[in-house]
Protein backbone atom coordinates (compact mmCIF):
# COMPACT_ATOMS: atom_id res chain seq x y z
CA MET A 1 38.44 -71.75 203.74
CA LYS A 2 41.90 -73.03 204.75
CA ARG A 3 43.11 -76.08 202.85
CA ILE A 4 44.39 -79.20 204.64
CA ALA A 5 46.14 -81.81 202.50
CA ILE A 6 45.02 -85.38 203.28
CA TYR A 7 47.79 -87.96 203.01
CA ASP A 8 46.58 -91.55 203.13
CA SER A 9 48.90 -94.34 204.25
CA THR A 10 46.45 -97.26 204.22
CA LEU A 11 48.49 -99.18 201.64
CA ARG A 12 51.74 -98.83 203.60
CA ASP A 13 51.18 -98.16 207.30
CA GLY A 14 47.69 -99.70 207.21
CA ALA A 15 49.04 -102.88 205.64
CA GLN A 16 51.28 -103.28 208.70
CA GLY A 17 48.20 -103.83 210.86
CA GLN A 18 47.64 -107.27 212.34
CA GLY A 19 45.71 -109.58 210.02
CA ILE A 20 45.90 -107.30 206.95
CA SER A 21 47.56 -108.31 203.71
CA PHE A 22 46.73 -106.63 200.42
CA SER A 23 47.25 -108.24 197.04
CA VAL A 24 48.28 -106.10 194.07
CA LEU A 25 44.66 -106.10 192.86
CA ASP A 26 43.49 -105.10 196.36
CA LYS A 27 45.85 -102.14 196.30
CA VAL A 28 44.65 -101.00 192.89
CA LYS A 29 41.02 -101.10 194.07
CA ILE A 30 41.89 -99.12 197.20
CA VAL A 31 43.76 -96.49 195.18
CA GLU A 32 40.69 -95.99 192.99
CA ALA A 33 38.45 -95.70 196.07
CA LEU A 34 40.78 -93.22 197.77
CA ASP A 35 41.01 -91.10 194.64
CA LYS A 36 37.22 -91.02 194.41
CA MET A 37 37.17 -90.03 198.10
CA GLY A 38 39.27 -87.01 197.19
CA VAL A 39 42.49 -87.50 199.19
CA ASP A 40 45.56 -85.57 198.03
CA TYR A 41 48.28 -88.19 198.48
CA ILE A 42 48.22 -91.98 198.45
CA GLU A 43 51.32 -93.49 200.01
CA ALA A 44 51.50 -96.61 197.90
CA GLY A 45 54.22 -98.50 199.76
CA ASN A 46 57.95 -99.05 199.83
CA PRO A 47 59.12 -100.25 196.40
CA GLY A 48 62.38 -101.49 197.90
CA SER A 49 60.72 -103.75 200.48
CA ASN A 50 59.17 -106.51 198.34
CA PRO A 51 58.45 -107.59 194.73
CA LYS A 52 54.68 -107.12 195.25
CA ASP A 53 55.10 -103.39 195.77
CA LEU A 54 57.32 -103.11 192.70
CA GLU A 55 54.64 -104.81 190.61
CA PHE A 56 52.00 -102.54 192.09
CA PHE A 57 53.93 -99.38 191.17
CA GLU A 58 54.05 -100.62 187.59
CA GLN A 59 50.28 -101.14 187.54
CA VAL A 60 49.36 -97.91 189.28
CA LYS A 61 51.09 -95.90 186.54
CA ARG A 62 48.26 -96.92 184.21
CA LEU A 63 45.53 -95.49 186.43
CA LYS A 64 44.05 -92.11 185.53
CA LEU A 65 43.58 -90.46 188.91
CA LYS A 66 41.53 -87.27 189.30
CA ASN A 67 42.46 -86.08 192.79
CA ALA A 68 45.36 -88.01 194.31
CA ARG A 69 49.10 -88.14 193.75
CA ILE A 70 50.86 -91.46 194.26
CA ILE A 71 53.79 -91.18 196.65
CA ALA A 72 56.55 -93.76 197.16
CA PHE A 73 57.93 -94.28 200.65
CA GLY A 74 61.47 -95.08 201.73
CA SER A 75 64.27 -94.28 204.16
CA THR A 76 67.28 -92.03 204.04
CA ARG A 77 70.43 -93.56 202.59
CA ARG A 78 72.15 -96.14 204.74
CA VAL A 79 75.02 -95.29 207.09
CA ASN A 80 78.35 -94.51 205.44
CA ILE A 81 77.25 -95.15 201.85
CA ARG A 82 76.87 -92.78 198.94
CA VAL A 83 73.23 -91.97 198.23
CA GLU A 84 73.69 -92.93 194.58
CA ASP A 85 74.80 -96.41 195.66
CA ASP A 86 71.88 -97.11 197.99
CA ALA A 87 69.61 -99.83 196.59
CA ASN A 88 66.49 -98.56 198.39
CA VAL A 89 67.03 -95.05 197.05
CA GLN A 90 67.34 -96.46 193.55
CA SER A 91 64.13 -98.45 193.99
CA LEU A 92 62.34 -95.22 194.88
CA LEU A 93 63.58 -93.72 191.63
CA LYS A 94 62.47 -96.80 189.73
CA ALA A 95 58.95 -96.43 191.12
CA ASP A 96 58.77 -93.29 188.97
CA THR A 97 56.36 -91.30 191.13
CA GLY A 98 56.23 -87.53 191.12
CA ALA A 99 56.47 -87.44 194.91
CA VAL A 100 58.45 -89.39 197.50
CA ALA A 101 58.29 -89.61 201.29
CA ILE A 102 61.64 -89.99 203.02
CA PHE A 103 61.75 -90.96 206.67
CA GLY A 104 64.72 -90.20 208.86
CA LYS A 105 65.58 -90.18 212.55
CA ALA A 106 64.81 -87.10 214.66
CA TRP A 107 65.44 -88.74 218.07
CA ASP A 108 69.08 -88.84 219.17
CA PHE A 109 68.50 -92.15 220.99
CA GLN A 110 67.34 -93.79 217.76
CA VAL A 111 70.43 -92.51 215.96
CA THR A 112 73.02 -93.68 218.50
CA ASP A 113 71.38 -96.86 219.81
CA ILE A 114 69.37 -98.18 216.84
CA LEU A 115 71.16 -96.90 213.72
CA ARG A 116 74.47 -97.08 215.64
CA THR A 117 75.92 -94.02 213.96
CA THR A 118 76.87 -90.46 214.87
CA LEU A 119 74.43 -87.58 215.17
CA ASP A 120 76.25 -85.70 212.42
CA GLU A 121 76.13 -88.66 210.02
CA ASN A 122 72.38 -88.94 210.51
CA LEU A 123 71.94 -85.27 209.61
CA GLN A 124 74.05 -85.82 206.51
CA MET A 125 71.95 -88.87 205.57
CA ILE A 126 68.81 -86.74 205.73
CA TYR A 127 70.34 -83.94 203.68
CA ASP A 128 71.92 -86.18 201.03
CA THR A 129 68.79 -88.22 200.39
CA ILE A 130 66.39 -85.31 200.10
CA ALA A 131 68.81 -83.29 197.97
CA PHE A 132 69.20 -86.32 195.66
CA PHE A 133 65.45 -86.39 194.94
CA LYS A 134 65.05 -82.62 194.71
CA GLU A 135 67.79 -82.56 192.07
CA ARG A 136 65.53 -84.92 190.10
CA ASN A 137 62.51 -82.63 190.45
CA LYS A 138 60.62 -84.78 192.94
CA GLU A 139 58.21 -83.42 195.52
CA VAL A 140 59.63 -84.57 198.86
CA VAL A 141 57.86 -85.10 202.18
CA PHE A 142 60.27 -85.62 205.06
CA ASP A 143 58.82 -87.88 207.75
CA ALA A 144 60.67 -86.94 210.92
CA GLU A 145 60.40 -90.28 212.68
CA HIS A 146 60.02 -90.12 216.49
CA PHE A 147 60.07 -86.32 216.27
CA PHE A 148 58.07 -85.69 219.45
CA ASP A 149 60.07 -88.17 221.56
CA GLY A 150 63.20 -86.64 220.10
CA TYR A 151 62.08 -83.11 220.92
CA ILE A 152 61.47 -84.06 224.55
CA SER A 153 64.86 -85.81 224.75
CA ASN A 154 66.93 -83.28 222.83
CA PRO A 155 64.95 -80.41 221.25
CA GLU A 156 68.02 -78.87 219.65
CA TYR A 157 68.86 -82.06 217.76
CA ALA A 158 65.25 -82.75 216.71
CA MET A 159 65.16 -79.26 215.18
CA LYS A 160 68.52 -79.87 213.49
CA ALA A 161 67.02 -82.92 211.76
CA LEU A 162 64.22 -80.75 210.39
CA GLN A 163 66.70 -78.06 209.40
CA ALA A 164 68.77 -80.58 207.43
CA ALA A 165 65.63 -81.59 205.51
CA ALA A 166 64.67 -77.96 204.93
CA ASP A 167 68.16 -77.03 203.74
CA ALA A 168 68.01 -79.91 201.23
CA GLY A 169 64.75 -78.55 199.82
CA ALA A 170 62.03 -80.67 201.44
CA ASP A 171 58.53 -79.54 200.49
CA CYS A 172 56.91 -80.68 203.74
CA LEU A 173 58.21 -81.51 207.21
CA CYS A 174 55.97 -84.19 208.71
CA LEU A 175 56.21 -84.61 212.48
CA CYS A 176 55.71 -88.23 213.51
CA ASP A 177 54.44 -89.51 216.85
CA THR A 178 55.84 -92.90 215.96
CA ARG A 179 55.30 -94.54 219.36
CA GLY A 180 51.81 -93.08 219.61
CA GLY A 181 52.16 -91.93 223.20
CA MET A 182 51.98 -88.16 223.00
CA LEU A 183 49.13 -86.18 224.56
CA PRO A 184 47.28 -83.70 222.32
CA ASN A 185 48.50 -80.65 224.25
CA GLU A 186 52.11 -81.85 223.87
CA ILE A 187 51.64 -82.28 220.14
CA TYR A 188 50.16 -78.78 219.91
CA ASP A 189 53.05 -77.14 221.75
CA MET A 190 55.79 -78.90 219.79
CA THR A 191 54.07 -78.47 216.43
CA LYS A 192 53.64 -74.77 217.20
CA ALA A 193 57.37 -74.48 217.86
CA VAL A 194 58.06 -75.98 214.41
CA THR A 195 55.52 -73.91 212.47
CA GLU A 196 56.90 -70.74 214.03
CA LYS A 197 60.50 -71.64 213.13
CA PHE A 198 60.11 -72.97 209.56
CA ASN A 199 58.53 -71.32 206.56
CA ILE A 200 57.70 -74.72 205.05
CA ALA A 201 54.52 -76.80 205.06
CA VAL A 202 54.29 -78.91 208.23
CA GLY A 203 52.48 -82.24 208.46
CA ILE A 204 51.39 -84.55 211.28
CA HIS A 205 51.57 -88.34 211.50
CA CYS A 206 50.09 -89.90 214.66
CA HIS A 207 49.87 -93.48 215.88
CA ASN A 208 47.09 -94.45 218.24
CA ASP A 209 48.84 -96.29 221.07
CA ASN A 210 47.30 -94.01 223.70
CA GLY A 211 43.97 -93.69 221.86
CA MET A 212 44.55 -90.03 221.00
CA ALA A 213 45.79 -90.10 217.40
CA VAL A 214 42.75 -88.24 216.06
CA ALA A 215 42.87 -85.64 218.84
CA GLY A 216 46.61 -85.18 218.39
CA SER A 217 46.21 -84.71 214.64
CA ILE A 218 43.53 -82.06 215.09
CA MET A 219 45.62 -80.22 217.69
CA ALA A 220 48.54 -80.20 215.24
CA VAL A 221 46.31 -78.58 212.63
CA GLN A 222 45.31 -75.94 215.16
CA ALA A 223 49.03 -75.36 215.74
CA GLY A 224 49.58 -74.73 212.03
CA ALA A 225 50.04 -78.13 210.37
CA VAL A 226 48.64 -78.18 206.83
CA GLN A 227 49.04 -81.86 205.99
CA VAL A 228 47.46 -84.74 207.93
CA GLN A 229 48.63 -88.31 207.50
CA GLY A 230 46.51 -91.29 208.52
CA THR A 231 44.69 -94.37 207.31
CA VAL A 232 41.14 -95.36 206.46
CA ASN A 233 39.43 -96.85 209.53
CA GLY A 234 42.61 -96.26 211.54
CA TYR A 235 44.37 -99.40 210.26
CA GLY A 236 48.02 -99.69 211.27
CA GLU A 237 50.64 -101.38 213.36
CA ARG A 238 49.97 -102.06 217.04
CA CYS A 239 46.95 -99.89 217.95
CA GLY A 240 46.69 -98.35 214.50
CA ASN A 241 47.12 -94.93 212.96
CA ALA A 242 45.08 -91.74 213.07
CA ASN A 243 41.68 -92.51 211.52
CA LEU A 244 41.09 -90.31 208.48
CA CYS A 245 37.40 -91.23 208.49
CA THR A 246 37.11 -89.35 211.79
CA ILE A 247 39.63 -86.59 211.09
CA ILE A 248 38.22 -85.49 207.72
CA PRO A 249 34.63 -84.81 208.86
CA ASN A 250 35.82 -83.21 212.11
CA LEU A 251 38.07 -80.78 210.25
CA GLN A 252 35.69 -80.14 207.37
CA LEU A 253 32.27 -80.17 209.02
CA LYS A 254 33.14 -78.89 212.49
CA MET A 255 36.14 -76.62 212.01
CA GLY A 256 35.71 -75.12 208.55
CA TYR A 257 38.79 -76.57 206.84
CA ARG A 258 38.63 -77.98 203.32
CA CYS A 259 40.03 -81.51 203.24
CA VAL A 260 38.21 -83.24 200.36
CA PRO A 261 35.76 -82.03 197.69
CA GLU A 262 32.33 -81.34 199.15
CA GLU A 263 30.69 -84.08 197.12
CA SER A 264 33.31 -86.62 198.19
CA ILE A 265 32.52 -86.44 201.90
CA GLN A 266 29.10 -87.90 201.07
CA ILE A 267 30.75 -91.19 200.08
CA LEU A 268 32.90 -91.39 203.21
CA SER A 269 30.85 -94.19 204.80
CA SER A 270 30.60 -96.33 201.67
CA ALA A 271 34.33 -95.91 200.97
CA ALA A 272 35.21 -96.99 204.53
CA ILE A 273 32.96 -100.05 204.25
CA TYR A 274 34.36 -100.95 200.83
CA ILE A 275 37.98 -100.73 202.02
CA SER A 276 37.16 -102.71 205.18
CA GLU A 277 35.77 -105.50 202.98
CA ILE A 278 38.95 -105.53 200.88
CA ALA A 279 41.04 -105.60 204.07
CA ASN A 280 38.80 -108.40 205.39
CA VAL A 281 38.45 -106.53 208.68
CA THR A 282 34.96 -105.96 210.08
CA LEU A 283 34.26 -102.25 210.39
CA ASP A 284 33.77 -101.21 214.01
CA SER A 285 30.06 -100.44 214.32
CA SER A 286 30.87 -97.70 216.85
CA SER A 287 33.20 -95.80 214.52
CA PRO A 288 32.31 -92.10 214.63
CA TYR A 289 30.49 -90.81 211.55
CA ILE A 290 30.73 -94.03 209.48
CA GLY A 291 29.82 -96.93 211.81
CA SER A 292 26.44 -98.64 211.69
CA ALA A 293 25.84 -97.54 215.29
CA ALA A 294 26.97 -93.93 214.77
CA PHE A 295 23.38 -92.78 214.27
CA ALA A 296 21.53 -95.74 215.82
CA HIS A 297 18.97 -95.06 218.54
CA LYS A 298 17.69 -97.65 220.99
CA GLY A 299 16.52 -95.95 224.21
CA GLY A 300 12.84 -95.08 224.19
CA MET A 301 13.28 -91.45 225.26
CA HIS A 302 16.05 -90.97 222.68
CA ILE A 303 13.93 -92.43 219.89
CA ASP A 304 10.95 -90.29 220.83
CA ALA A 305 13.12 -87.15 220.79
CA VAL A 306 14.85 -88.01 217.50
CA ASN A 307 11.48 -88.64 215.84
CA LYS A 308 10.43 -85.15 216.93
CA ASN A 309 13.70 -83.48 215.97
CA PRO A 310 16.95 -85.35 215.07
CA VAL A 311 19.06 -82.46 216.41
CA SER A 312 18.14 -83.63 219.91
CA TYR A 313 20.57 -86.57 219.75
CA GLU A 314 22.47 -86.27 216.43
CA HIS A 315 25.40 -83.87 216.06
CA ILE A 316 25.16 -83.88 212.23
CA ASP A 317 22.79 -85.13 209.56
CA PRO A 318 24.02 -88.71 208.90
CA GLU A 319 23.43 -88.32 205.16
CA VAL A 320 26.18 -85.68 204.99
CA VAL A 321 28.77 -88.47 205.41
CA GLY A 322 26.74 -91.10 203.54
CA ASN A 323 25.42 -92.82 206.67
CA TYR A 324 21.81 -93.19 207.80
CA ARG A 325 19.68 -93.18 210.93
CA ARG A 326 18.68 -96.51 212.49
CA ILE A 327 15.89 -97.03 215.02
CA LEU A 328 16.66 -100.23 216.92
CA MET A 329 13.89 -102.55 218.03
CA SER A 330 14.29 -103.88 221.56
CA GLU A 331 12.70 -104.10 225.00
CA VAL A 332 14.07 -100.63 225.85
CA SER A 333 12.90 -98.93 222.64
CA GLY A 334 9.75 -97.56 224.21
CA ARG A 335 6.10 -98.29 223.55
CA SER A 336 5.78 -95.70 220.74
CA THR A 337 8.56 -97.29 218.68
CA ILE A 338 7.19 -100.79 219.12
CA LEU A 339 3.68 -99.54 218.35
CA ASN A 340 4.87 -98.19 214.98
CA LYS A 341 5.95 -101.71 214.05
CA ILE A 342 2.73 -103.25 215.44
CA ASN A 343 0.65 -100.82 213.37
CA GLU A 344 2.27 -102.13 210.21
CA VAL A 345 0.46 -105.41 210.99
CA ASP A 346 -2.68 -104.04 212.67
CA PRO A 347 -3.31 -100.26 212.33
CA THR A 348 -6.23 -100.39 214.79
CA LEU A 349 -4.11 -101.09 217.86
CA THR A 350 -3.08 -98.27 220.22
CA LYS A 351 -0.60 -97.79 223.06
CA ASP A 352 -3.25 -98.85 225.52
CA SER A 353 -4.53 -101.92 223.66
CA PRO A 354 -4.09 -105.15 225.68
CA GLU A 355 -2.52 -106.77 222.58
CA THR A 356 0.20 -104.11 222.61
CA ARG A 357 1.04 -105.00 226.22
CA LEU A 358 1.14 -108.72 225.31
CA ILE A 359 3.56 -108.08 222.42
CA ILE A 360 5.87 -105.96 224.61
CA ASP A 361 5.84 -108.64 227.32
CA ARG A 362 6.63 -111.32 224.74
CA LEU A 363 9.50 -109.22 223.35
CA LYS A 364 10.96 -108.87 226.86
CA GLU A 365 10.65 -112.64 227.42
CA LEU A 366 12.46 -113.43 224.18
CA GLU A 367 15.26 -110.90 224.81
CA HIS A 368 15.68 -112.37 228.29
CA GLU A 369 16.19 -115.75 226.62
CA GLY A 370 18.89 -114.24 224.40
CA TYR A 371 17.03 -113.30 221.23
CA GLN A 372 17.84 -109.93 219.66
CA TYR A 373 15.76 -107.97 217.17
CA GLU A 374 17.90 -104.87 216.54
CA SER A 375 18.72 -105.97 212.99
CA ALA A 376 15.90 -108.46 212.55
CA GLU A 377 12.74 -106.43 212.07
CA SER A 378 11.14 -109.10 209.89
CA SER A 379 11.62 -111.63 212.66
CA PHE A 380 9.97 -109.21 215.08
CA GLU A 381 7.06 -108.89 212.67
CA LEU A 382 6.61 -112.66 212.93
CA VAL A 383 6.50 -112.34 216.74
CA ILE A 384 3.76 -109.70 216.40
CA ARG A 385 1.76 -111.86 214.01
CA LYS A 386 2.01 -114.89 216.30
CA VAL A 387 0.81 -112.94 219.36
CA LEU A 388 -2.08 -111.47 217.37
CA GLY A 389 -3.01 -114.84 215.88
CA LYS A 390 -2.26 -113.57 212.37
CA TYR A 391 0.64 -115.85 211.61
CA THR A 392 0.14 -118.46 208.92
CA PRO A 393 3.14 -120.62 208.03
CA LEU A 394 3.67 -120.41 204.28
CA PHE A 395 5.60 -123.66 204.17
CA GLU A 396 6.70 -126.43 206.49
CA LEU A 397 10.26 -127.71 206.64
CA ARG A 398 10.11 -131.51 206.96
CA GLU A 399 13.83 -132.39 206.82
CA PHE A 400 17.14 -131.46 205.26
CA LYS A 401 20.64 -132.86 204.73
CA VAL A 402 23.88 -131.02 203.98
CA ILE A 403 27.17 -132.38 202.66
CA VAL A 404 30.38 -130.32 202.65
CA SER A 405 33.12 -131.45 200.26
CA GLU A 406 36.72 -130.35 199.84
CA PRO A 407 38.44 -129.08 197.82
CA THR A 408 36.18 -126.38 196.43
CA MET A 409 35.58 -126.71 192.71
CA ASN A 410 34.07 -123.91 190.59
CA ASN A 411 33.11 -122.00 193.76
CA VAL A 412 31.05 -124.95 195.02
CA ASN A 413 31.89 -127.03 198.08
CA SER A 414 28.49 -127.93 199.54
CA SER A 415 25.29 -129.65 198.52
CA ALA A 416 21.93 -129.71 200.27
CA MET A 417 18.79 -131.81 199.98
CA ILE A 418 15.61 -130.38 201.42
CA LYS A 419 12.04 -131.61 201.89
CA ILE A 420 9.29 -129.03 202.35
CA LYS A 421 5.51 -129.04 202.39
CA VAL A 422 3.21 -126.32 201.03
CA GLY A 423 -0.43 -127.09 201.72
CA ASP A 424 -0.91 -130.72 200.74
CA GLN A 425 2.02 -130.79 198.34
CA GLU A 426 5.50 -132.03 199.28
CA GLU A 427 8.65 -131.27 197.36
CA ILE A 428 12.15 -132.77 197.62
CA THR A 429 14.89 -130.72 195.99
CA ALA A 430 18.69 -130.67 195.97
CA SER A 431 21.08 -127.85 195.14
CA GLU A 432 24.73 -126.84 195.41
CA GLY A 433 26.39 -123.74 196.82
CA ASP A 434 29.44 -121.94 198.10
CA GLY A 435 29.11 -123.24 201.65
CA PRO A 436 26.26 -125.06 203.44
CA VAL A 437 24.11 -121.97 204.05
CA ASN A 438 24.30 -120.95 200.40
CA ALA A 439 23.45 -124.53 199.32
CA LEU A 440 20.43 -124.63 201.67
CA ASP A 441 19.26 -121.22 200.49
CA ASN A 442 19.45 -122.32 196.86
CA ALA A 443 17.59 -125.55 197.64
CA VAL A 444 14.76 -123.78 199.53
CA ARG A 445 14.28 -121.24 196.75
CA LYS A 446 14.27 -123.99 194.17
CA ALA A 447 11.75 -126.09 196.11
CA LEU A 448 9.40 -123.17 196.73
């Protein structure tokens, strides 16, 4: 089984996504989760960019990682300066990681119009910086920034940039679709040209501006790339980076490559959810493999088929990636699905019972009004009980009041007073909480 190295950039490229900001503690938690997930490299950030990353590199040294290597990220030396005198290069050394990622320009336009230097000086910057770290026994990944745009503009120069890195001793040449606009077939062709020319490990780093970062990454692997860079949940600048939570199972489960330990792929979904909570970004329910909708079935014919044999509408067993099957309750779920729920309340009813028809009609009325029962099966059970005349209110809410106070003190900023009635007995109770809903919940539980 061919090995593909997984290089995670959630803490660096992912942190550049809109609305994402990781604290030092956040980063430490994510490193531990990624290591448990079985990735090979964790790009921990640019130690020269801010004090927070410097502090993080100090803390991460204390972690005992089982699978991953921490890698520091930085640029080639600046224009017309000795590599030894470059402050960013020195900060990479200070980070004290066994591996470093050095990015340099591979597009002639970027060299002349953005760096404002000569093409030869840029090649020397690449060589000097990588040689500097190789002399200090570091593993070096060269990120050829804008490689694909550069290859289209000036293929000879783009290859010269890679050659400079190779001559300096780079361990991996990573081809970057930095603007995220390449088509998968273009990435395949250009990656193939590189893998045929260089006897060095080749990597791929795709952005998702055209929605094809995952496809482009997989095509690069088919062209000979042995390292894939990306982020958990596709976090990243603009439209994001290649989503490792899609790439890993596609390569490992569909194509026979080994990306992470076999047992680690079973925690893929929980790791993605955990990191999304740390990032404070809601996980897209439609995310392949790991989303809550990835194995959710709503159409009646689909549900009937899946109940007979899941292979009919599921491309893999959801448990392989730590996800699970969901049967959604709605007006389009089909009579058999709804009957299963009805039989939990009254096992004597059948598809043809008039009560079953009444319940389905009531469900359609409520969904027409805007109610939704996909994730509210207990609420749907109450609808069933009411139609069947089997609903008995366990308590009656008479009144309630809520007060929200600022600032929050000791994780409490709300108080609630509630009056309920159970049988002939009334109870008035007050409670506090972290927000009005929490305060009401505490008060109801206390009163009951």
